[in-house]
Structures are given as C-alpha cells and as structure tokens.
C-alpha cells in the first residue's frame, strides 16, 4: 500500500466488521497523528470521527460500493487542545 504514501489525499484502509486499521498514508498521519495499526477506527479515531462517517464505513463494508466524502468536518483533541478543521 506504500503507493498511497505520497498521495495528495488522505487514504485510510480498514478491514472487517469493526473496521480495524490496516493502513494510513502520510496525509492521514499529518492530520491525525500516528494511528495504531490493527486497532478499530472507532477507538483510535473516536475523538475525530462522527457517527455519519462511521455510518459511511459501515455502508461501504455492507454494499461493496465506494464512497467519496467531499468535505469532512472534524474536531480533534490532540496536543494543544481541541481544534475543529474542515477537510475537502
């Protein structure tokens, strides 16, 4: 999956019913910090992902159809306190 390391967009790959993190590219790590590979995204990104994003992940898993989120607003509580950002 290293082909996605320098992609100009965030790439996050999960697997299974609980969406365990398999891969996060440089862009995702720049946005959210180092994420624990193998952890469910509901745990490692719980302060970031809203229910609507988790619902999209569930739908993609169930249907096999791709999804594109043109704009995502998140509030991350990383070093320096909570901060809201929009990605799109």
C-alpha atoms as a PDB file:
ATOM      1  CA  UNK A   1       0.000   0.000   0.000  1.00  0.00           C
ATOM      2  CA  UNK A   2       3.064   2.220   0.037  1.00  0.00           C
ATOM      3  CA  UNK A   3       1.945   3.509  -3.359  1.00  0.00           C
ATOM      4  CA  UNK A   4      -0.513   5.706  -1.406  1.00  0.00           C
ATOM      5  CA  UNK A   5       2.113   7.155   0.975  1.00  0.00           C
ATOM      6  CA  UNK A   6       2.543  10.370  -1.011  1.00  0.00           C
ATOM      7  CA  UNK A   7      -0.999  10.594  -2.423  1.00  0.00           C
ATOM      8  CA  UNK A   8      -2.414  14.149  -2.456  1.00  0.00           C
ATOM      9  CA  UNK A   9      -5.367  12.959  -0.343  1.00  0.00           C
ATOM     10  CA  UNK A  10      -5.852  11.046   2.861  1.00  0.00           C
ATOM     11  CA  UNK A  11      -6.008   7.291   2.393  1.00  0.00           C
ATOM     12  CA  UNK A  12      -7.162   5.089   5.250  1.00  0.00           C
ATOM     13  CA  UNK A  13      -7.729   1.349   4.798  1.00  0.00           C
ATOM     14  CA  UNK A  14      -9.730  -0.731   7.230  1.00  0.00           C
ATOM     15  CA  UNK A  15     -10.878  -4.326   7.364  1.00  0.00           C
ATOM     16  CA  UNK A  16     -13.673  -6.264   8.975  1.00  0.00           C
ATOM     17  CA  UNK A  17     -16.865  -5.570  10.804  1.00  0.00           C
ATOM     18  CA  UNK A  18     -15.148  -3.350  13.367  1.00  0.00           C
ATOM     19  CA  UNK A  19     -13.077  -1.511  10.735  1.00  0.00           C
ATOM     20  CA  UNK A  20      -9.625  -2.375  12.057  1.00  0.00           C
ATOM     21  CA  UNK A  21      -6.996  -0.021  10.697  1.00  0.00           C
ATOM     22  CA  UNK A  22      -4.696  -1.661   8.139  1.00  0.00           C
ATOM     23  CA  UNK A  23      -3.060   1.413   6.658  1.00  0.00           C
ATOM     24  CA  UNK A  24      -2.972   5.210   6.920  1.00  0.00           C
ATOM     25  CA  UNK A  25      -0.950   7.290   4.467  1.00  0.00           C
ATOM     26  CA  UNK A  26       1.232  10.317   5.209  1.00  0.00           C
ATOM     27  CA  UNK A  27      -1.660  12.746   4.727  1.00  0.00           C
ATOM     28  CA  UNK A  28      -3.857  10.961   7.292  1.00  0.00           C
ATOM     29  CA  UNK A  29      -0.977  10.789   9.777  1.00  0.00           C
ATOM     30  CA  UNK A  30      -0.295  14.510   9.265  1.00  0.00           C
ATOM     31  CA  UNK A  31      -3.942  15.249  10.085  1.00  0.00           C
ATOM     32  CA  UNK A  32      -4.439  12.851  12.994  1.00  0.00           C
ATOM     33  CA  UNK A  33      -1.006  11.736  14.197  1.00  0.00           C
ATOM     34  CA  UNK A  34       0.321   8.197  14.364  1.00  0.00           C
ATOM     35  CA  UNK A  35      -2.512   5.708  14.498  1.00  0.00           C
ATOM     36  CA  UNK A  36      -2.205   2.190  15.926  1.00  0.00           C
ATOM     37  CA  UNK A  37      -2.347  -0.308  13.067  1.00  0.00           C
ATOM     38  CA  UNK A  38      -4.754  -3.117  13.945  1.00  0.00           C
ATOM     39  CA  UNK A  39      -6.972  -1.014  16.215  1.00  0.00           C
ATOM     40  CA  UNK A  40     -10.637  -0.404  15.368  1.00  0.00           C
ATOM     41  CA  UNK A  41     -11.076   3.102  13.942  1.00  0.00           C
ATOM     42  CA  UNK A  42     -13.888   3.664  16.453  1.00  0.00           C
ATOM     43  CA  UNK A  43     -11.183   3.513  19.132  1.00  0.00           C
ATOM     44  CA  UNK A  44      -8.168   5.153  17.515  1.00  0.00           C
ATOM     45  CA  UNK A  45     -10.202   7.997  15.985  1.00  0.00           C
ATOM     46  CA  UNK A  46     -13.082   8.207  18.470  1.00  0.00           C
ATOM     47  CA  UNK A  47     -12.414  11.887  19.175  1.00  0.00           C
ATOM     48  CA  UNK A  48     -12.448  12.667  15.457  1.00  0.00           C
ATOM     49  CA  UNK A  49     -14.981  10.536  13.595  1.00  0.00           C
ATOM     50  CA  UNK A  50     -18.620  11.462  13.881  1.00  0.00           C
ATOM     51  CA  UNK A  51     -21.407   8.948  13.609  1.00  0.00           C
ATOM     52  CA  UNK A  52     -22.097   9.959   9.995  1.00  0.00           C
ATOM     53  CA  UNK A  53     -18.566   8.960   8.922  1.00  0.00           C
ATOM     54  CA  UNK A  54     -18.774   5.662  10.785  1.00  0.00           C
ATOM     55  CA  UNK A  55     -22.110   5.012   9.056  1.00  0.00           C
ATOM     56  CA  UNK A  56     -20.418   5.538   5.673  1.00  0.00           C
ATOM     57  CA  UNK A  57     -17.737   2.991   6.603  1.00  0.00           C
ATOM     58  CA  UNK A  58     -20.445   0.515   7.594  1.00  0.00           C
ATOM     59  CA  UNK A  59     -22.325   1.095   4.329  1.00  0.00           C
ATOM     60  CA  UNK A  60     -19.194   0.595   2.198  1.00  0.00           C
ATOM     61  CA  UNK A  61     -18.461  -2.649   4.004  1.00  0.00           C
ATOM     62  CA  UNK A  62     -22.019  -3.916   3.578  1.00  0.00           C
ATOM     63  CA  UNK A  63     -22.546  -2.918  -0.065  1.00  0.00           C
ATOM     64  CA  UNK A  64     -19.035  -3.029  -1.505  1.00  0.00           C
ATOM     65  CA  UNK A  65     -19.736   0.305  -3.183  1.00  0.00           C
ATOM     66  CA  UNK A  66     -17.165   3.083  -2.992  1.00  0.00           C
ATOM     67  CA  UNK A  67     -17.891   6.297  -1.146  1.00  0.00           C
ATOM     68  CA  UNK A  68     -16.445   9.751  -1.533  1.00  0.00           C
ATOM     69  CA  UNK A  69     -16.679  12.388   1.150  1.00  0.00           C
ATOM     70  CA  UNK A  70     -16.069  15.768  -0.452  1.00  0.00           C
ATOM     71  CA  UNK A  71     -15.965  17.619   2.838  1.00  0.00           C
ATOM     72  CA  UNK A  72     -15.411  16.328   6.336  1.00  0.00           C
ATOM     73  CA  UNK A  73     -15.509  18.481   9.468  1.00  0.00           C
ATOM     74  CA  UNK A  74     -13.747  17.043  12.471  1.00  0.00           C
ATOM     75  CA  UNK A  75     -12.842  18.176  15.940  1.00  0.00           C
ATOM     76  CA  UNK A  76      -9.613  16.643  17.135  1.00  0.00           C
ATOM     77  CA  UNK A  77      -8.318  16.867  20.680  1.00  0.00           C
ATOM     78  CA  UNK A  78      -4.634  16.394  20.054  1.00  0.00           C
ATOM     79  CA  UNK A  79      -1.681  18.279  21.533  1.00  0.00           C
ATOM     80  CA  UNK A  80      -2.715  21.873  22.049  1.00  0.00           C
ATOM     81  CA  UNK A  81      -6.347  21.129  22.856  1.00  0.00           C
ATOM     82  CA  UNK A  82      -9.486  20.678  20.748  1.00  0.00           C
ATOM     83  CA  UNK A  83      -9.391  22.075  17.256  1.00  0.00           C
ATOM     84  CA  UNK A  84     -12.026  21.963  14.522  1.00  0.00           C
ATOM     85  CA  UNK A  85     -10.912  21.513  10.921  1.00  0.00           C
ATOM     86  CA  UNK A  86     -12.605  21.002   7.613  1.00  0.00           C
ATOM     87  CA  UNK A  87     -11.142  18.661   5.006  1.00  0.00           C
ATOM     88  CA  UNK A  88     -12.396  18.637   1.497  1.00  0.00           C
END
